[in-house]
Amino acid sequence: LLGMRLAFDHLVSLGHTEIVHIVGPQNLSTGYLR
């Protein structure tokens, strides 16, 4: 959760408003939590 917050906040700070997340497999905790 923190990792994605750091990445998202970085992109927002650069001025991005059209951000897409490529989502990992949802049967894995990594994909689900990210």
PDB file of all heavy atoms in Angstrom:
ATOM      1  N   LEU A   1       0.827  -1.199   0.000  1.00  0.00           N
ATOM      2  CA  LEU A   1       0.000   0.000   0.000  1.00  0.00           C
ATOM      3  C   LEU A   1       0.866   1.256   0.000  1.00  0.00           C
ATOM      4  O   LEU A   1       0.615   2.210  -0.753  1.00  0.00           O
ATOM      5  CB  LEU A   1      -0.938   0.003   1.209  1.00  0.00           C
ATOM      6  CG  LEU A   1      -1.891  -1.188   1.335  1.00  0.00           C
ATOM      7  CD1 LEU A   1      -2.779  -1.019   2.573  1.00  0.00           C
ATOM      8  CD2 LEU A   1      -2.748  -1.340   0.094  1.00  0.00           C
ATOM      9  N   LEU A   2       1.902   1.244   0.827  1.00  0.00           N
ATOM     10  CA  LEU A   2       2.806   2.383   0.881  1.00  0.00           C
ATOM     11  C   LEU A   2       3.575   2.516  -0.437  1.00  0.00           C
ATOM     12  O   LEU A   2       3.773   3.629  -0.945  1.00  0.00           O
ATOM     13  CB  LEU A   2       3.778   2.234   2.046  1.00  0.00           C
ATOM     14  CG  LEU A   2       4.875   3.300   2.150  1.00  0.00           C
ATOM     15  CD1 LEU A   2       4.269   4.693   2.286  1.00  0.00           C
ATOM     16  CD2 LEU A   2       5.800   3.002   3.326  1.00  0.00           C
ATOM     17  N   GLY A   3       4.013   1.399  -0.978  1.00  0.00           N
ATOM     18  CA  GLY A   3       4.772   1.443  -2.225  1.00  0.00           C
ATOM     19  C   GLY A   3       3.983   2.101  -3.352  1.00  0.00           C
ATOM     20  O   GLY A   3       4.510   2.955  -4.093  1.00  0.00           O
ATOM     21  N   MET A   4       2.719   1.732  -3.480  1.00  0.00           N
ATOM     22  CA  MET A   4       1.893   2.326  -4.532  1.00  0.00           C
ATOM     23  C   MET A   4       1.602   3.791  -4.242  1.00  0.00           C
ATOM     24  O   MET A   4       1.520   4.614  -5.173  1.00  0.00           O
ATOM     25  CB  MET A   4       0.593   1.534  -4.674  1.00  0.00           C
ATOM     26  CG  MET A   4       0.790   0.138  -5.239  1.00  0.00           C
ATOM     27  SD  MET A   4       1.566   0.114  -6.876  1.00  0.00           S
ATOM     28  CE  MET A   4       0.215   0.653  -7.914  1.00  0.00           C
ATOM     29  N   ARG A   5       1.475   4.125  -2.988  1.00  0.00           N
ATOM     30  CA  ARG A   5       1.251   5.535  -2.634  1.00  0.00           C
ATOM     31  C   ARG A   5       2.460   6.383  -3.046  1.00  0.00           C
ATOM     32  O   ARG A   5       2.312   7.483  -3.599  1.00  0.00           O
ATOM     33  CB  ARG A   5       0.993   5.659  -1.133  1.00  0.00           C
ATOM     34  CG  ARG A   5       0.801   7.096  -0.640  1.00  0.00           C
ATOM     35  CD  ARG A   5      -0.461   7.724  -1.227  1.00  0.00           C
ATOM     36  NE  ARG A   5      -0.618   9.112  -0.829  1.00  0.00           N
ATOM     37  CZ  ARG A   5      -1.338   9.508   0.221  1.00  0.00           C
ATOM     38  NH1 ARG A   5      -1.956   8.617   0.991  1.00  0.00           N
ATOM     39  NH2 ARG A   5      -1.451  10.783   0.518  1.00  0.00           N
ATOM     40  N   LEU A   6       3.657   5.878  -2.801  1.00  0.00           N
ATOM     41  CA  LEU A   6       4.872   6.611  -3.179  1.00  0.00           C
ATOM     42  C   LEU A   6       4.934   6.822  -4.691  1.00  0.00           C
ATOM     43  O   LEU A   6       5.264   7.918  -5.169  1.00  0.00           O
ATOM     44  CB  LEU A   6       6.113   5.841  -2.711  1.00  0.00           C
ATOM     45  CG  LEU A   6       6.329   5.717  -1.201  1.00  0.00           C
ATOM     46  CD1 LEU A   6       7.492   4.779  -0.914  1.00  0.00           C
ATOM     47  CD2 LEU A   6       6.577   7.086  -0.577  1.00  0.00           C
ATOM     48  N   ALA A   7       4.613   5.760  -5.441  1.00  0.00           N
ATOM     49  CA  ALA A   7       4.680   5.846  -6.902  1.00  0.00           C
ATOM     50  C   ALA A   7       3.614   6.793  -7.452  1.00  0.00           C
ATOM     51  O   ALA A   7       3.885   7.629  -8.326  1.00  0.00           O
ATOM     52  CB  ALA A   7       4.518   4.453  -7.505  1.00  0.00           C
ATOM     53  N   PHE A   8       2.401   6.668  -6.940  1.00  0.00           N
ATOM     54  CA  PHE A   8       1.298   7.507  -7.427  1.00  0.00           C
ATOM     55  C   PHE A   8       1.557   8.975  -7.095  1.00  0.00           C
ATOM     56  O   PHE A   8       1.390   9.855  -7.951  1.00  0.00           O
ATOM     57  CB  PHE A   8      -0.020   7.043  -6.813  1.00  0.00           C
ATOM     58  CG  PHE A   8      -1.226   7.679  -7.439  1.00  0.00           C
ATOM     59  CD1 PHE A   8      -1.859   7.090  -8.508  1.00  0.00           C
ATOM     60  CD2 PHE A   8      -1.726   8.879  -6.953  1.00  0.00           C
ATOM     61  CE1 PHE A   8      -2.975   7.672  -9.095  1.00  0.00           C
ATOM     62  CE2 PHE A   8      -2.841   9.485  -7.528  1.00  0.00           C
ATOM     63  CZ  PHE A   8      -3.470   8.879  -8.614  1.00  0.00           C
ATOM     64  N   ASP A   9       1.959   9.239  -5.877  1.00  0.00           N
ATOM     65  CA  ASP A   9       2.221  10.627  -5.475  1.00  0.00           C
ATOM     66  C   ASP A   9       3.328  11.244  -6.327  1.00  0.00           C
ATOM     67  O   ASP A   9       3.296  12.446  -6.642  1.00  0.00           O
ATOM     68  CB  ASP A   9       2.609  10.685  -3.997  1.00  0.00           C
ATOM     69  CG  ASP A   9       1.425  10.468  -3.069  1.00  0.00           C
ATOM     70  OD1 ASP A   9       0.288  10.359  -3.562  1.00  0.00           O
ATOM     71  OD2 ASP A   9       1.639  10.389  -1.842  1.00  0.00           O
ATOM     72  N   HIS A  10       4.316  10.443  -6.689  1.00  0.00           N
ATOM     73  CA  HIS A  10       5.403  10.942  -7.540  1.00  0.00           C
ATOM     74  C   HIS A  10       4.862  11.393  -8.894  1.00  0.00           C
ATOM     75  O   HIS A  10       5.203  12.488  -9.377  1.00  0.00           O
ATOM     76  CB  HIS A  10       6.446   9.838  -7.721  1.00  0.00           C
ATOM     77  CG  HIS A  10       7.460  10.117  -8.789  1.00  0.00           C
ATOM     78  ND1 HIS A  10       8.351  11.167  -8.705  1.00  0.00           N
ATOM     79  CD2 HIS A  10       7.708   9.495  -9.988  1.00  0.00           C
ATOM     80  CE1 HIS A  10       9.124  11.180  -9.789  1.00  0.00           C
ATOM     81  NE2 HIS A  10       8.748  10.177 -10.577  1.00  0.00           N
ATOM     82  N   LEU A  11       4.007  10.576  -9.501  1.00  0.00           N
ATOM     83  CA  LEU A  11       3.456  10.933 -10.810  1.00  0.00           C
ATOM     84  C   LEU A  11       2.563  12.160 -10.720  1.00  0.00           C
ATOM     85  O   LEU A  11       2.590  13.036 -11.598  1.00  0.00           O
ATOM     86  CB  LEU A  11       2.687   9.747 -11.385  1.00  0.00           C
ATOM     87  CG  LEU A  11       3.542   8.540 -11.768  1.00  0.00           C
ATOM     88  CD1 LEU A  11       2.662   7.365 -12.202  1.00  0.00           C
ATOM     89  CD2 LEU A  11       4.536   8.895 -12.874  1.00  0.00           C
ATOM     90  N   VAL A  12       1.773  12.245  -9.659  1.00  0.00           N
ATOM     91  CA  VAL A  12       0.913  13.417  -9.465  1.00  0.00           C
ATOM     92  C   VAL A  12       1.762  14.677  -9.277  1.00  0.00           C
ATOM     93  O   VAL A  12       1.442  15.746  -9.810  1.00  0.00           O
ATOM     94  CB  VAL A  12      -0.027  13.199  -8.268  1.00  0.00           C
ATOM     95  CG1 VAL A  12      -0.737  14.499  -7.894  1.00  0.00           C
ATOM     96  CG2 VAL A  12      -1.053  12.122  -8.590  1.00  0.00           C
ATOM     97  N   SER A  13       2.860  14.551  -8.537  1.00  0.00           N
ATOM     98  CA  SER A  13       3.720  15.717  -8.297  1.00  0.00           C
ATOM     99  C   SER A  13       4.345  16.237  -9.594  1.00  0.00           C
ATOM    100  O   SER A  13       4.684  17.423  -9.697  1.00  0.00           O
ATOM    101  CB  SER A  13       4.831  15.354  -7.296  1.00  0.00           C
ATOM    102  OG  SER A  13       5.797  14.492  -7.899  1.00  0.00           O
ATOM    103  N   LEU A  14       4.472  15.359 -10.598  1.00  0.00           N
ATOM    104  CA  LEU A  14       5.009  15.765 -11.895  1.00  0.00           C
ATOM    105  C   LEU A  14       3.938  16.395 -12.785  1.00  0.00           C
ATOM    106  O   LEU A  14       4.252  16.933 -13.848  1.00  0.00           O
ATOM    107  CB  LEU A  14       5.613  14.550 -12.612  1.00  0.00           C
ATOM    108  CG  LEU A  14       6.861  13.933 -11.976  1.00  0.00           C
ATOM    109  CD1 LEU A  14       7.257  12.659 -12.713  1.00  0.00           C
ATOM    110  CD2 LEU A  14       8.022  14.922 -11.972  1.00  0.00           C
ATOM    111  N   GLY A  15       2.675  16.291 -12.360  1.00  0.00           N
ATOM    112  CA  GLY A  15       1.593  16.904 -13.113  1.00  0.00           C
ATOM    113  C   GLY A  15       0.756  15.952 -13.936  1.00  0.00           C
ATOM    114  O   GLY A  15      -0.090  16.385 -14.740  1.00  0.00           O
ATOM    115  N   HIS A  16       0.920  14.657 -13.739  1.00  0.00           N
ATOM    116  CA  HIS A  16       0.152  13.681 -14.523  1.00  0.00           C
ATOM    117  C   HIS A  16      -1.279  13.571 -13.996  1.00  0.00           C
ATOM    118  O   HIS A  16      -1.511  13.469 -12.785  1.00  0.00           O
ATOM    119  CB  HIS A  16       0.824  12.311 -14.466  1.00  0.00           C
ATOM    120  CG  HIS A  16       2.102  12.244 -15.239  1.00  0.00           C
ATOM    121  ND1 HIS A  16       2.139  12.077 -16.603  1.00  0.00           N
ATOM    122  CD2 HIS A  16       3.393  12.348 -14.830  1.00  0.00           C
ATOM    123  CE1 HIS A  16       3.405  12.062 -17.006  1.00  0.00           C
ATOM    124  NE2 HIS A  16       4.182  12.235 -15.949  1.00  0.00           N
ATOM    125  N   THR A  17      -2.221  13.585 -14.936  1.00  0.00           N
ATOM    126  CA  THR A  17      -3.641  13.406 -14.596  1.00  0.00           C
ATOM    127  C   THR A  17      -4.253  12.221 -15.339  1.00  0.00           C
ATOM    128  O   THR A  17      -5.403  11.866 -15.084  1.00  0.00           O
ATOM    129  CB  THR A  17      -4.448  14.670 -14.939  1.00  0.00           C
ATOM    130  OG1 THR A  17      -4.294  14.974 -16.336  1.00  0.00           O
ATOM    131  CG2 THR A  17      -3.980  15.853 -14.108  1.00  0.00           C
ATOM    132  N   GLU A  18      -3.487  11.622 -16.251  1.00  0.00           N
ATOM    133  CA  GLU A  18      -3.949  10.448 -17.011  1.00  0.00           C
ATOM    134  C   GLU A  18      -3.019   9.279 -16.686  1.00  0.00           C
ATOM    135  O   GLU A  18      -2.096   8.960 -17.427  1.00  0.00           O
ATOM    136  CB  GLU A  18      -3.966  10.736 -18.513  1.00  0.00           C
ATOM    137  CG  GLU A  18      -4.901  11.854 -18.926  1.00  0.00           C
ATOM    138  CD  GLU A  18      -6.377  11.472 -18.777  1.00  0.00           C
ATOM    139  OE1 GLU A  18      -6.679  10.256 -18.717  1.00  0.00           O
ATOM    140  OE2 GLU A  18      -7.220  12.391 -18.723  1.00  0.00           O
ATOM    141  N   ILE A  19      -3.251   8.669 -15.531  1.00  0.00           N
ATOM    142  CA  ILE A  19      -2.401   7.589 -15.028  1.00  0.00           C
ATOM    143  C   ILE A  19      -3.159   6.272 -15.124  1.00  0.00           C
ATOM    144  O   ILE A  19      -4.324   6.186 -14.720  1.00  0.00           O
ATOM    145  CB  ILE A  19      -1.994   7.835 -13.562  1.00  0.00           C
ATOM    146  CG1 ILE A  19      -1.256   9.180 -13.427  1.00  0.00           C
ATOM    147  CG2 ILE A  19      -1.116   6.698 -13.040  1.00  0.00           C
ATOM    148  CD1 ILE A  19      -0.997   9.594 -11.990  1.00  0.00           C
ATOM    149  N   VAL A  20      -2.504   5.241 -15.632  1.00  0.00           N
ATOM    150  CA  VAL A  20      -3.094   3.904 -15.724  1.00  0.00           C
ATOM    151  C   VAL A  20      -2.257   2.930 -14.912  1.00  0.00           C
ATOM    152  O   VAL A  20      -1.021   2.918 -15.027  1.00  0.00           O
ATOM    153  CB  VAL A  20      -3.191   3.418 -17.185  1.00  0.00           C
ATOM    154  CG1 VAL A  20      -3.779   2.005 -17.236  1.00  0.00           C
ATOM    155  CG2 VAL A  20      -4.041   4.368 -18.007  1.00  0.00           C
ATOM    156  N   HIS A  21      -2.923   2.131 -14.119  1.00  0.00           N
ATOM    157  CA  HIS A  21      -2.244   1.059 -13.376  1.00  0.00           C
ATOM    158  C   HIS A  21      -2.422  -0.257 -14.118  1.00  0.00           C
ATOM    159  O   HIS A  21      -3.550  -0.668 -14.405  1.00  0.00           O
ATOM    160  CB  HIS A  21      -2.829   0.949 -11.972  1.00  0.00           C
ATOM    161  CG  HIS A  21      -2.287  -0.201 -11.167  1.00  0.00           C
ATOM    162  ND1 HIS A  21      -0.974  -0.628 -11.252  1.00  0.00           N
ATOM    163  CD2 HIS A  21      -2.891  -1.032 -10.261  1.00  0.00           C
ATOM    164  CE1 HIS A  21      -0.781  -1.652 -10.433  1.00  0.00           C
ATOM    165  NE2 HIS A  21      -1.937  -1.913  -9.838  1.00  0.00           N
ATOM    166  N   ILE A  22      -1.315  -0.906 -14.463  1.00  0.00           N
ATOM    167  CA  ILE A  22      -1.370  -2.265 -15.010  1.00  0.00           C
ATOM    168  C   ILE A  22      -1.373  -3.211 -13.819  1.00  0.00           C
ATOM    169  O   ILE A  22      -0.378  -3.333 -13.097  1.00  0.00           O
ATOM    170  CB  ILE A  22      -0.198  -2.553 -15.950  1.00  0.00           C
ATOM    171  CG1 ILE A  22      -0.268  -1.620 -17.166  1.00  0.00           C
ATOM    172  CG2 ILE A  22      -0.233  -4.011 -16.402  1.00  0.00           C
ATOM    173  CD1 ILE A  22       0.813  -1.864 -18.198  1.00  0.00           C
ATOM    174  N   VAL A  23      -2.501  -3.866 -13.619  1.00  0.00           N
ATOM    175  CA  VAL A  23      -2.779  -4.616 -12.391  1.00  0.00           C
ATOM    176  C   VAL A  23      -2.234  -6.041 -12.488  1.00  0.00           C
ATOM    177  O   VAL A  23      -2.495  -6.754 -13.460  1.00  0.00           O
ATOM    178  CB  VAL A  23      -4.294  -4.650 -12.132  1.00  0.00           C
ATOM    179  CG1 VAL A  23      -4.605  -5.428 -10.863  1.00  0.00           C
ATOM    180  CG2 VAL A  23      -4.854  -3.234 -12.050  1.00  0.00           C
ATOM    181  N   GLY A  24      -1.491  -6.452 -11.482  1.00  0.00           N
ATOM    182  CA  GLY A  24      -0.978  -7.815 -11.426  1.00  0.00           C
ATOM    183  C   GLY A  24      -2.071  -8.819 -11.078  1.00  0.00           C
ATOM    184  O   GLY A  24      -3.187  -8.435 -10.706  1.00  0.00           O
ATOM    185  N   PRO A  25      -1.769 -10.120 -11.174  1.00  0.00           N
ATOM    186  CA  PRO A  25      -2.760 -11.167 -10.909  1.00  0.00           C
ATOM    187  C   PRO A  25      -3.412 -11.014  -9.537  1.00  0.00           C
ATOM    188  O   PRO A  25      -2.731 -10.859  -8.519  1.00  0.00           O
ATOM    189  CB  PRO A  25      -1.924 -12.458 -10.978  1.00  0.00           C
ATOM    190  CG  PRO A  25      -0.771 -12.102 -11.864  1.00  0.00           C
ATOM    191  CD  PRO A  25      -0.459 -10.676 -11.560  1.00  0.00           C
ATOM    192  N   GLN A  26      -4.728 -11.080  -9.504  1.00  0.00           N
ATOM    193  CA  GLN A  26      -5.463 -10.824  -8.274  1.00  0.00           C
ATOM    194  C   GLN A  26      -5.517 -12.024  -7.334  1.00  0.00           C
ATOM    195  O   GLN A  26      -5.981 -11.902  -6.201  1.00  0.00           O
ATOM    196  CB  GLN A  26      -6.873 -10.350  -8.602  1.00  0.00           C
ATOM    197  CG  GLN A  26      -6.902  -8.966  -9.235  1.00  0.00           C
ATOM    198  CD  GLN A  26      -6.327  -7.904  -8.320  1.00  0.00           C
ATOM    199  OE1 GLN A  26      -6.958  -7.482  -7.363  1.00  0.00           O
ATOM    200  NE2 GLN A  26      -5.106  -7.468  -8.598  1.00  0.00           N
ATOM    201  N   ASN A  27      -5.069 -13.181  -7.790  1.00  0.00           N
ATOM    202  CA  ASN A  27      -4.979 -14.327  -6.881  1.00  0.00           C
ATOM    203  C   ASN A  27      -3.717 -14.266  -6.035  1.00  0.00           C
ATOM    204  O   ASN A  27      -3.538 -15.075  -5.116  1.00  0.00           O
ATOM    205  CB  ASN A  27      -5.025 -15.650  -7.655  1.00  0.00           C
ATOM    206  CG  ASN A  27      -3.803 -15.854  -8.524  1.00  0.00           C
ATOM    207  OD1 ASN A  27      -3.324 -14.917  -9.175  1.00  0.00           O
ATOM    208  ND2 ASN A  27      -3.295 -17.072  -8.568  1.00  0.00           N
ATOM    209  N   LEU A  28      -2.846 -13.311  -6.325  1.00  0.00           N
ATOM    210  CA  LEU A  28      -1.612 -13.118  -5.555  1.00  0.00           C
ATOM    211  C   LEU A  28      -1.751 -11.881  -4.677  1.00  0.00           C
ATOM    212  O   LEU A  28      -2.316 -10.863  -5.104  1.00  0.00           O
ATOM    213  CB  LEU A  28      -0.412 -12.958  -6.486  1.00  0.00           C
ATOM    214  CG  LEU A  28      -0.184 -14.068  -7.512  1.00  0.00           C
ATOM    215  CD1 LEU A  28       1.043 -13.757  -8.354  1.00  0.00           C
ATOM    216  CD2 LEU A  28      -0.040 -15.423  -6.824  1.00  0.00           C
ATOM    217  N   SER A  29      -1.223 -11.954  -3.471  1.00  0.00           N
ATOM    218  CA  SER A  29      -1.334 -10.819  -2.554  1.00  0.00           C
ATOM    219  C   SER A  29      -0.668  -9.575  -3.117  1.00  0.00           C
ATOM    220  O   SER A  29      -1.141  -8.454  -2.881  1.00  0.00           O
ATOM    221  CB  SER A  29      -0.712 -11.181  -1.201  1.00  0.00           C
ATOM    222  OG  SER A  29       0.678 -11.444  -1.339  1.00  0.00           O
ATOM    223  N   THR A  30       0.414  -9.758  -3.870  1.00  0.00           N
ATOM    224  CA  THR A  30       1.108  -8.604  -4.442  1.00  0.00           C
ATOM    225  C   THR A  30       0.200  -7.847  -5.408  1.00  0.00           C
ATOM    226  O   THR A  30       0.081  -6.623  -5.343  1.00  0.00           O
ATOM    227  CB  THR A  30       2.384  -9.053  -5.148  1.00  0.00           C
ATOM    228  OG1 THR A  30       2.093 -10.182  -5.988  1.00  0.00           O
ATOM    229  CG2 THR A  30       3.454  -9.445  -4.142  1.00  0.00           C
ATOM    230  N   GLY A  31      -0.443  -8.574  -6.323  1.00  0.00           N
ATOM    231  CA  GLY A  31      -1.337  -7.924  -7.272  1.00  0.00           C
ATOM    232  C   GLY A  31      -2.537  -7.293  -6.593  1.00  0.00           C
ATOM    233  O   GLY A  31      -2.935  -6.159  -6.905  1.00  0.00           O
ATOM    234  N   TYR A  32      -3.105  -8.014  -5.648  1.00  0.00           N
ATOM    235  CA  TYR A  32      -4.302  -7.546  -4.940  1.00  0.00           C
ATOM    236  C   TYR A  32      -4.006  -6.290  -4.121  1.00  0.00           C
ATOM    237  O   TYR A  32      -4.754  -5.300  -4.169  1.00  0.00           O
ATOM    238  CB  TYR A  32      -4.815  -8.665  -4.035  1.00  0.00           C
ATOM    239  CG  TYR A  32      -6.026  -8.316  -3.229  1.00  0.00           C
ATOM    240  CD1 TYR A  32      -7.299  -8.309  -3.802  1.00  0.00           C
ATOM    241  CD2 TYR A  32      -5.917  -7.983  -1.873  1.00  0.00           C
ATOM    242  CE1 TYR A  32      -8.427  -7.980  -3.056  1.00  0.00           C
ATOM    243  CE2 TYR A  32      -7.035  -7.662  -1.128  1.00  0.00           C
ATOM    244  CZ  TYR A  32      -8.284  -7.660  -1.722  1.00  0.00           C
ATOM    245  OH  TYR A  32      -9.388  -7.330  -0.975  1.00  0.00           O
ATOM    246  N   LEU A  33      -2.908  -6.313  -3.371  1.00  0.00           N
ATOM    247  CA  LEU A  33      -2.599  -5.187  -2.493  1.00  0.00           C
ATOM    248  C   LEU A  33      -2.082  -3.976  -3.273  1.00  0.00           C
ATOM    249  O   LEU A  33      -2.343  -2.829  -2.885  1.00  0.00           O
ATOM    250  CB  LEU A  33      -1.582  -5.612  -1.434  1.00  0.00           C
ATOM    251  CG  LEU A  33      -2.103  -6.613  -0.401  1.00  0.00           C
ATOM    252  CD1 LEU A  33      -0.974  -7.106   0.490  1.00  0.00           C
ATOM    253  CD2 LEU A  33      -3.215  -5.994   0.436  1.00  0.00           C
ATOM    254  N   ARG A  34      -1.350  -4.212  -4.357  1.00  0.00           N
ATOM    255  CA  ARG A  34      -0.891  -3.075  -5.155  1.00  0.00           C
ATOM    256  C   ARG A  34      -2.067  -2.380  -5.837  1.00  0.00           C
ATOM    257  O   ARG A  34      -2.085  -1.153  -5.955  1.00  0.00           O
ATOM    258  CB  ARG A  34       0.156  -3.536  -6.172  1.00  0.00           C
ATOM    259  CG  ARG A  34       1.478  -3.897  -5.516  1.00  0.00           C
ATOM    260  CD  ARG A  34       2.467  -4.563  -6.454  1.00  0.00           C
ATOM    261  NE  ARG A  34       3.543  -5.182  -5.669  1.00  0.00           N
ATOM    262  CZ  ARG A  34       4.510  -5.947  -6.166  1.00  0.00           C
ATOM    263  NH1 ARG A  34       4.541  -6.195  -7.469  1.00  0.00           N
ATOM    264  NH2 ARG A  34       5.422  -6.471  -5.372  1.00  0.00           N
TER     265      ARG A  34
END
